[in-house]
Every structure is written in structure tokens, then in C-alpha cells.
Amino acid sequence: MQIRPDALAAQLAKGLKPIYTVHGDEPLLAQEAADAIRAAARTQGYSERKVFIVTGAYFDWGPVLGAAQALSLFAERQFIEIRIPSGKPGKDGSEALQRYCAALPEDVLTLVTLPRLDKTQLSSAWFTALDQQGVSVKVEPVERRALPQWIAQRLAAQGQSVVEGEEGQRALTFFADRVEGNLLAAHQELQKLALLHPPGPLSLEQIEGAVLNVARYDVFKLSEAILSGQTARVLRMLEGLEAEGEAAVLVHWALADDVRALKRVRDAVDAGKPLPMALRESRVWGAKERLFERIVPGLHRSQLQALVDAAQVCDGIVKGLRHRDWPLDPWAALQKLALLLLETAQGPVGRQAGGRHASLVLKA
């Protein structure tokens, strides 16, 4: 049975399952889910705890299988934790986990922690065995659009809130901008607010005075922001990526990959293929699939060829070449390419308005 982290507390209250599997790449939420399971286990008398960390393909699974079957000398119930940092138990581990699930005694509770799993891992025999014997908690990052609400919920849990109206919404947006992509830092900033201010509403000024700029930006989230037409966020993310020391070549690759994908899909549609088929063949899915469905019908071949040419020029600049019509600085060139892609994705009206904005930014 698979559930979201926000449903875990209710499930634990109904009664503990033999096995809990927590998987995902958001450290804060994964840690909180695991801590909730450990706390529930202690409450129910699982006082003896054993931890096994699976390191490499040659890990010895014998002690894990033996621990589950051994009678405890110190407690009636055992809590066994299996950590698989790589997310790949290997052939021996797969077989061992299936045997483990098939012969688990009633007085043993197991927690398995894993990183983010791909489709193949989620459909594997070992994960299926874990899921069928207990509860799987899938931990996903909090998307930028959901971050203000997440912050508001966390504030409410510690007895605080933002003031009502537009000021409160601006406060949440400010908070979200400062901690985007870094929930651990967001958690620390929330704790700081709890220490600095008593329960009750918080003003924008109070939040601005307390919350640091600790955002961490993801290169691959940058393309989603561009395709969504979020100009201010795009510029902020580029500045953040540069400040964090991200490689300009990698940022260019992500942008150029979107340009190529848009051209492939548009060419396929022009050749008579349905848009859903063109997207599948170009391996466009998830959030990008929805964005492409909105953008592609309004694109023209000349626009896409101009983007391809711009991406080629930018490629040379980030590798040390010069172009008379482009900035010499690689990050300024990346900004220009990002804005060109953003303007094209916005459509005719957006291009007209975005072009003026882009010119002002680049001149500055």
C-alpha cells in the first residue's frame, strides 16, 4: 500500500504494519517520515533496535535475515531498520528482501529507507514484496507552486500564521523565494520564526527580517520555469545557479535540450503525427508534457530555427568563443538564450511584452 507523507500519521494511528518503506529524495520529509515510524514503534513496545546499512553489491544479507528470526534477549519486540542508500540491493539483496518479507515474525517491525526510485525499481520483485507486506511512503519534493501553502501549514503547526490579505500572500511568496529547493533550510527558518516571535500572525516585515536567502536551484527546474513563462523566477534562478558555482555548460545543455525537443515535436506534428505520439517519441513527459501541449501548437518553424541558431551561438560562448551580437560573459549569454526561449514559449502577446523586458534586463 502506497501513501503520501501527509497520510502517514493517520495510518500509524490505525495500527502498525509489519514493514514500512520510505523512498524519495527530499531529505527533510524522508527524515520526518522515518522519525514518525520510529516514534510509533517505541510507543508500541518495539524497544530493541537494529540498523543495517547496505553498502555495495557484496553486502552480507545473512545477519539481516538472522536478526529477523532470532529471539530477542532484551525485549519482546524488535525494530529493524534497513538502509539502502544506493536504492539498488542487487541480485542477492533482491532475493534476500523477498525471503525476508515472506518469513517475517509478528514481533518484528521493519523500516526500509531508500532514495528516489525509478519506474524499473518500483516494479521490481523486491520492492513489490516490501509494498505488499506493509506500507510504502513516497516522498516527493515540494514544487515551487505548492511551497507557499506548505510554509503556511508549517507555520500553523507551530501556532503562527501570516497576516490576512495581500500582505500575507506576499510574505509567503517572499519566504518561498528565499528557500526554494531547500526544505531543510526552510525548516530551520520556520524554527527561527518560532523562537523570535510569539504565536499569532506574522507581518511581511517580520518574515523579511528573519528569513535568509538560502534557496538552492535545480538546473532542470529552470527549464520548467522558462516554459511556464515565469520571467522573474528565471532570472533569479540563473543568478542563483551562477552564485552556487554551477557549470555554465550544464545550464546550456538543459536549455538547448528543450530547444531541440520543441523542434522535434513541432516537426513531427507538421509531418502529420498526433501531438501525444510526438511527445512520447521525443520522451517528453511529466510536467514538461503539459507545458509542451500548450506551447507546441502555437510555434512556427522559423521561430524554432532561430532558437536552434541561438543555442548554437550560446554553446560557443560558454566554451570560450565570441560572437559580435552576443554578450561575452557566458552567464549573460545564458540569460539571453533563456529569455529568447521564454518569449517564444509565451506566444505572440508574451513575446511582444517579454521582448521589451528582456532588452531592459540585458542592457542592465
Protein backbone atom coordinates (compact mmCIF):
# COMPACT_ATOMS: atom_id res chain seq x y z
CA MET A 1 0.00 0.00 0.00
CA GLN A 2 1.49 3.32 -1.07
CA ILE A 3 0.66 6.56 0.74
CA ARG A 4 1.87 10.16 0.82
CA PRO A 5 3.82 11.50 3.82
CA ASP A 6 0.87 13.63 4.96
CA ALA A 7 -1.24 10.46 5.31
CA LEU A 8 1.33 8.62 7.42
CA ALA A 9 0.21 9.91 10.84
CA ALA A 10 -3.37 8.74 10.27
CA GLN A 11 -2.16 5.33 9.12
CA LEU A 12 0.13 4.89 12.13
CA ALA A 13 -2.75 5.77 14.43
CA LYS A 14 -4.82 2.91 12.99
CA GLY A 15 -2.17 0.30 13.80
CA LEU A 16 1.35 -0.61 12.74
CA LYS A 17 2.08 -2.65 9.64
CA PRO A 18 4.97 -5.19 9.60
CA ILE A 19 7.09 -3.22 7.10
CA TYR A 20 7.38 0.47 6.25
CA THR A 21 9.33 1.56 3.16
CA VAL A 22 10.25 5.23 2.86
CA HIS A 23 11.65 6.28 -0.52
CA GLY A 24 12.36 9.68 -2.03
CA ASP A 25 14.99 12.38 -2.49
CA GLU A 26 13.67 15.10 -0.19
CA PRO A 27 15.82 14.73 2.97
CA LEU A 28 13.60 16.66 5.38
CA LEU A 29 10.34 14.88 4.53
CA ALA A 30 12.03 11.47 4.38
CA GLN A 31 13.63 12.06 7.79
CA GLU A 32 10.33 13.20 9.30
CA ALA A 33 8.50 10.15 7.94
CA ALA A 34 11.16 7.79 9.30
CA ASP A 35 11.15 9.55 12.68
CA ALA A 36 7.35 9.23 12.90
CA ILE A 37 7.60 5.49 12.27
CA ARG A 38 10.38 5.10 14.86
CA ALA A 39 8.35 7.03 17.44
CA ALA A 40 5.26 4.89 16.82
CA ALA A 41 7.38 1.75 17.13
CA ARG A 42 8.75 2.84 20.51
CA THR A 43 5.24 3.63 21.72
CA GLN A 44 4.11 0.12 20.78
CA GLY A 45 6.96 -1.58 22.63
CA TYR A 46 9.49 -2.18 19.86
CA SER A 47 12.32 -1.19 22.18
CA GLU A 48 15.23 -3.18 20.71
CA ARG A 49 16.54 -1.56 17.52
CA LYS A 50 18.98 -2.95 14.98
CA VAL A 51 20.26 -0.95 12.00
CA PHE A 52 21.76 -2.43 8.82
CA ILE A 53 23.29 -0.22 6.12
CA VAL A 54 23.53 -1.93 2.74
CA THR A 55 26.88 -0.93 1.23
CA GLY A 56 27.66 -2.25 -2.23
CA ALA A 57 26.71 -5.33 -4.19
CA TYR A 58 28.65 -7.65 -1.87
CA PHE A 59 26.74 -6.82 1.28
CA ASP A 60 26.17 -9.86 3.50
CA TRP A 61 22.42 -10.26 3.96
CA GLY A 62 22.82 -13.18 6.37
CA PRO A 63 22.79 -11.05 9.55
CA VAL A 64 19.67 -9.22 8.35
CA LEU A 65 17.75 -12.45 7.78
CA GLY A 66 19.09 -13.87 11.04
CA ALA A 67 18.13 -10.80 13.07
CA ALA A 68 14.52 -11.04 11.98
CA GLN A 69 14.27 -14.68 13.06
CA ALA A 70 16.32 -14.50 16.27
CA LEU A 71 14.57 -14.30 19.61
CA SER A 72 15.38 -11.11 21.49
CA LEU A 73 17.08 -11.39 24.88
CA PHE A 74 16.18 -7.86 25.92
CA ALA A 75 12.74 -7.07 24.50
CA GLU A 76 9.62 -8.81 23.31
CA ARG A 77 9.57 -6.79 20.09
CA GLN A 78 12.33 -5.77 17.71
CA PHE A 79 12.62 -2.80 15.38
CA ILE A 80 14.87 -3.49 12.40
CA GLU A 81 16.00 -0.70 10.11
CA ILE A 82 17.45 -1.46 6.68
CA ARG A 83 19.04 1.49 4.88
CA ILE A 84 19.85 1.14 1.17
CA PRO A 85 21.47 4.47 0.17
CA SER A 86 22.02 3.42 -3.45
CA GLY A 87 18.46 2.20 -3.95
CA LYS A 88 19.88 -0.94 -5.58
CA PRO A 89 20.05 -4.02 -3.33
CA GLY A 90 21.48 -6.14 -6.15
CA LYS A 91 20.51 -9.67 -7.13
CA ASP A 92 21.36 -11.21 -3.75
CA GLY A 93 19.63 -8.35 -1.96
CA SER A 94 16.53 -8.72 -4.08
CA GLU A 95 16.24 -12.38 -3.20
CA ALA A 96 17.02 -11.70 0.46
CA LEU A 97 14.37 -8.99 0.75
CA GLN A 98 11.75 -11.29 -0.78
CA ARG A 99 12.66 -14.07 1.66
CA TYR A 100 12.68 -11.54 4.49
CA CYS A 101 9.15 -10.39 3.67
CA ALA A 102 7.87 -13.94 3.30
CA ALA A 103 9.05 -15.10 6.75
CA LEU A 104 8.74 -12.02 8.94
CA PRO A 105 7.57 -12.84 12.50
CA GLU A 106 4.82 -10.87 14.23
CA ASP A 107 7.11 -9.36 16.87
CA VAL A 108 9.37 -7.64 14.33
CA LEU A 109 8.72 -4.22 12.77
CA THR A 110 10.90 -3.18 9.82
CA LEU A 111 11.74 0.20 8.32
CA VAL A 112 13.43 0.27 4.91
CA THR A 113 14.77 3.62 3.70
CA LEU A 114 15.66 4.27 0.08
CA PRO A 115 16.41 7.23 -2.21
CA ARG A 116 14.20 8.18 -5.13
CA LEU A 117 13.34 5.10 -7.19
CA ASP A 118 12.76 4.92 -10.92
CA LYS A 119 9.96 3.05 -12.68
CA THR A 120 12.01 -0.13 -13.02
CA GLN A 121 12.87 -0.21 -9.33
CA LEU A 122 9.27 0.47 -8.31
CA SER A 123 8.09 -2.51 -10.36
CA SER A 124 10.87 -4.86 -9.20
CA ALA A 125 10.12 -8.06 -7.32
CA TRP A 126 11.88 -6.90 -4.14
CA PHE A 127 10.01 -3.58 -3.94
CA THR A 128 6.70 -5.30 -4.72
CA ALA A 129 7.34 -7.69 -1.83
CA LEU A 130 8.01 -4.79 0.55
CA ASP A 131 4.92 -2.93 -0.62
CA GLN A 132 2.61 -5.92 -0.34
CA GLN A 133 3.69 -6.70 3.22
CA GLY A 134 3.31 -3.18 4.56
CA VAL A 135 3.18 0.50 3.68
CA SER A 136 5.29 2.44 1.18
CA VAL A 137 5.72 6.17 1.78
CA LYS A 138 6.68 8.03 -1.39
CA VAL A 139 8.46 11.27 -0.52
CA GLU A 140 8.46 13.85 -3.31
CA PRO A 141 9.93 17.36 -3.37
CA VAL A 142 7.53 20.23 -2.72
CA GLU A 143 7.04 22.01 -6.04
CA ARG A 144 7.53 25.76 -6.16
CA ARG A 145 3.83 26.47 -6.75
CA ALA A 146 2.92 24.45 -3.63
CA LEU A 147 5.67 25.88 -1.42
CA PRO A 148 3.72 28.88 -0.02
CA GLN A 149 0.93 26.58 1.14
CA TRP A 150 3.46 24.17 2.65
CA ILE A 151 5.04 27.06 4.57
CA ALA A 152 1.63 28.24 5.76
CA GLN A 153 0.82 24.74 7.04
CA ARG A 154 4.12 24.54 8.89
CA LEU A 155 3.54 27.95 10.44
CA ALA A 156 0.08 26.84 11.57
CA ALA A 157 1.56 23.71 13.18
CA GLN A 158 3.75 25.91 15.41
CA GLY A 159 0.90 28.30 16.22
CA GLN A 160 1.85 31.04 13.79
CA SER A 161 0.47 32.42 10.54
CA VAL A 162 0.84 35.30 8.13
CA VAL A 163 -1.40 38.32 8.30
CA GLU A 164 -4.53 38.20 6.18
CA GLY A 165 -4.85 39.68 2.73
CA GLU A 166 -2.31 40.69 0.13
CA GLU A 167 0.47 41.32 2.66
CA GLY A 168 0.19 37.75 3.91
CA GLN A 169 0.38 36.34 0.39
CA ARG A 170 3.42 38.49 -0.35
CA ALA A 171 5.04 37.25 2.85
CA LEU A 172 4.54 33.61 1.82
CA THR A 173 5.86 34.33 -1.67
CA PHE A 174 8.92 36.07 -0.22
CA PHE A 175 9.55 33.13 2.12
CA ALA A 176 9.17 30.64 -0.74
CA ASP A 177 11.55 32.58 -2.98
CA ARG A 178 14.22 32.54 -0.28
CA VAL A 179 14.09 28.79 0.46
CA GLU A 180 13.15 27.29 -2.91
CA GLY A 181 14.66 23.83 -3.38
CA ASN A 182 15.98 23.64 0.19
CA LEU A 183 13.34 22.35 2.61
CA LEU A 184 15.90 21.68 5.31
CA ALA A 185 16.74 25.38 5.32
CA ALA A 186 13.03 26.22 5.21
CA HIS A 187 12.52 24.09 8.31
CA GLN A 188 15.34 25.93 10.08
CA GLU A 189 13.90 29.32 9.14
CA LEU A 190 10.48 28.26 10.43
CA GLN A 191 12.04 27.21 13.72
CA LYS A 192 13.81 30.55 13.89
CA LEU A 193 10.49 32.37 13.49
CA ALA A 194 9.05 30.28 16.33
CA LEU A 195 11.90 31.39 18.57
CA LEU A 196 11.85 35.05 17.55
CA HIS A 197 8.10 35.69 17.63
CA PRO A 198 5.20 34.52 19.80
CA PRO A 199 2.23 32.58 18.41
CA GLY A 200 -0.05 34.57 16.16
CA PRO A 201 0.12 36.41 12.83
CA LEU A 202 3.49 37.41 11.37
CA SER A 203 3.90 40.52 9.24
CA LEU A 204 5.84 40.73 5.99
CA GLU A 205 8.41 42.88 7.77
CA GLN A 206 8.95 40.26 10.49
CA ILE A 207 9.42 37.49 7.91
CA GLU A 208 11.77 39.60 5.78
CA GLY A 209 13.86 40.36 8.85
CA ALA A 210 14.24 36.73 9.84
CA VAL A 211 14.37 34.61 6.68
CA LEU A 212 17.72 34.32 4.95
CA ASN A 213 18.28 33.75 1.26
CA VAL A 214 19.08 30.02 1.35
CA ALA A 215 17.46 28.88 -1.90
CA ARG A 216 19.03 26.09 -3.91
CA TYR A 217 18.19 25.99 -7.57
CA ASP A 218 17.89 23.00 -9.84
CA VAL A 219 19.07 23.26 -13.44
CA PHE A 220 16.21 21.07 -14.58
CA LYS A 221 13.61 23.15 -12.74
CA LEU A 222 14.94 26.15 -14.65
CA SER A 223 13.54 24.83 -17.91
CA GLU A 224 10.10 24.34 -16.33
CA ALA A 225 10.16 27.95 -15.14
CA ILE A 226 11.10 29.13 -18.64
CA LEU A 227 8.39 27.10 -20.36
CA SER A 228 5.88 28.35 -17.78
CA GLY A 229 6.70 31.98 -18.61
CA GLN A 230 7.98 32.90 -15.12
CA THR A 231 10.41 35.65 -16.14
CA ALA A 232 11.31 36.94 -12.65
CA ARG A 233 11.86 33.43 -11.34
CA VAL A 234 14.01 32.51 -14.36
CA LEU A 235 16.30 35.48 -13.78
CA ARG A 236 16.51 34.71 -10.07
CA MET A 237 17.34 31.06 -10.74
CA LEU A 238 20.09 31.95 -13.21
CA GLU A 239 21.65 34.29 -10.66
CA GLY A 240 21.39 31.59 -8.01
CA LEU A 241 22.91 28.89 -10.20
CA GLU A 242 25.84 31.15 -11.06
CA ALA A 243 26.36 32.03 -7.38
CA GLU A 244 26.28 28.35 -6.43
CA GLY A 245 29.07 27.62 -8.90
CA GLU A 246 27.00 25.56 -11.31
CA ALA A 247 28.72 24.82 -14.63
CA ALA A 248 27.52 27.11 -17.42
CA VAL A 249 27.91 24.21 -19.85
CA LEU A 250 25.36 22.16 -17.91
CA VAL A 251 22.87 25.02 -17.84
CA HIS A 252 23.29 25.48 -21.58
CA TRP A 253 22.77 21.77 -22.17
CA ALA A 254 19.43 21.90 -20.29
CA LEU A 255 18.23 24.91 -22.30
CA ALA A 256 19.43 23.53 -25.62
CA ASP A 257 17.79 20.20 -24.86
CA ASP A 258 14.44 21.98 -24.53
CA VAL A 259 15.01 23.82 -27.81
CA ARG A 260 15.81 20.58 -29.62
CA ALA A 261 12.82 18.83 -28.06
CA LEU A 262 10.45 21.61 -29.11
CA LYS A 263 11.75 21.44 -32.67
CA ARG A 264 11.50 17.62 -32.83
CA VAL A 265 7.93 17.66 -31.57
CA ARG A 266 6.88 20.51 -33.89
CA ASP A 267 8.50 18.77 -36.88
CA ALA A 268 6.70 15.54 -36.02
CA VAL A 269 3.35 17.34 -35.76
CA ASP A 270 3.99 19.07 -39.10
CA ALA A 271 4.67 15.64 -40.59
CA GLY A 272 1.18 14.52 -39.57
CA LYS A 273 1.74 12.81 -36.24
CA PRO A 274 -0.68 13.46 -33.34
CA LEU A 275 0.81 15.63 -30.62
CA PRO A 276 0.62 12.90 -27.89
CA MET A 277 2.55 10.49 -30.14
CA ALA A 278 5.13 13.15 -30.99
CA LEU A 279 5.66 13.86 -27.28
CA ARG A 280 6.11 10.18 -26.44
CA GLU A 281 8.59 9.63 -29.24
CA SER A 282 10.59 12.63 -28.05
CA ARG A 283 10.47 11.33 -24.47
CA VAL A 284 8.66 14.37 -23.14
CA TRP A 285 6.56 13.53 -20.10
CA GLY A 286 5.53 14.72 -16.65
CA ALA A 287 5.30 18.46 -16.05
CA LYS A 288 7.05 19.22 -19.33
CA GLU A 289 4.49 17.22 -21.27
CA ARG A 290 1.70 19.53 -20.11
CA LEU A 291 3.78 22.60 -20.94
CA PHE A 292 4.66 21.29 -24.40
CA GLU A 293 0.98 20.55 -25.09
CA ARG A 294 0.26 24.25 -24.52
CA ILE A 295 3.28 25.66 -26.33
CA VAL A 296 3.84 23.48 -29.42
CA PRO A 297 0.60 24.26 -31.34
CA GLY A 298 1.48 27.98 -31.45
CA LEU A 299 5.08 27.54 -32.62
CA HIS A 300 6.32 28.12 -36.16
CA ARG A 301 9.29 26.55 -37.90
CA SER A 302 11.07 29.90 -38.34
CA GLN A 303 10.86 30.62 -34.59
CA LEU A 304 12.30 27.25 -33.70
CA GLN A 305 15.12 27.56 -36.23
CA ALA A 306 16.01 30.93 -34.74
CA LEU A 307 16.14 29.29 -31.28
CA VAL A 308 18.34 26.49 -32.60
CA ASP A 309 20.72 29.05 -34.09
CA ALA A 310 20.75 31.00 -30.81
CA ALA A 311 21.51 27.83 -28.84
CA GLN A 312 24.45 27.10 -31.16
CA VAL A 313 25.87 30.60 -30.68
CA CYS A 314 25.43 30.34 -26.89
CA ASP A 315 27.16 26.94 -26.94
CA GLY A 316 30.24 28.56 -28.42
CA ILE A 317 30.21 31.42 -25.91
CA VAL A 318 30.07 29.15 -22.84
CA LYS A 319 33.05 27.28 -24.36
CA GLY A 320 35.10 30.43 -24.85
CA LEU A 321 34.19 31.66 -28.34
CA ARG A 322 32.92 35.16 -29.19
CA HIS A 323 30.00 36.48 -31.21
CA ARG A 324 29.55 40.10 -32.17
CA ASP A 325 25.82 40.20 -31.36
CA TRP A 326 26.03 38.35 -28.05
CA PRO A 327 27.47 39.13 -24.60
CA LEU A 328 31.00 37.91 -23.90
CA ASP A 329 30.12 36.64 -20.43
CA PRO A 330 28.77 33.05 -20.52
CA TRP A 331 26.08 33.72 -17.90
CA ALA A 332 24.87 36.84 -19.69
CA ALA A 333 24.63 34.72 -22.85
CA LEU A 334 22.68 32.06 -20.99
CA GLN A 335 20.33 34.76 -19.75
CA LYS A 336 19.76 35.95 -23.31
CA LEU A 337 19.07 32.40 -24.54
CA ALA A 338 16.71 31.73 -21.62
CA LEU A 339 14.75 34.92 -22.32
CA LEU A 340 14.53 34.12 -26.05
CA LEU A 341 13.16 30.68 -25.22
CA LEU A 342 10.79 32.15 -22.65
CA GLU A 343 9.46 34.75 -25.09
CA THR A 344 8.90 32.13 -27.79
CA ALA A 345 7.07 29.86 -25.34
CA GLN A 346 4.78 32.70 -24.22
CA GLY A 347 3.28 33.20 -27.68
CA PRO A 348 2.76 36.41 -29.69
CA VAL A 349 1.47 38.59 -26.84
CA GLY A 350 4.08 37.33 -24.41
CA ARG A 351 6.86 37.82 -26.98
CA GLN A 352 5.86 41.43 -27.52
CA ALA A 353 5.86 42.19 -23.78
CA GLY A 354 8.74 39.85 -22.97
CA GLY A 355 10.97 41.32 -25.65
CA ARG A 356 10.82 44.73 -24.01
CA HIS A 357 11.54 43.20 -20.62
CA ALA A 358 14.44 41.15 -21.99
CA SER A 359 16.01 44.22 -23.57
CA LEU A 360 15.87 46.10 -20.29
CA VAL A 361 17.42 43.19 -18.40
CA LEU A 362 20.23 42.66 -20.87
CA LYS A 363 21.09 46.34 -21.04
CA ALA A 364 21.29 46.47 -17.26
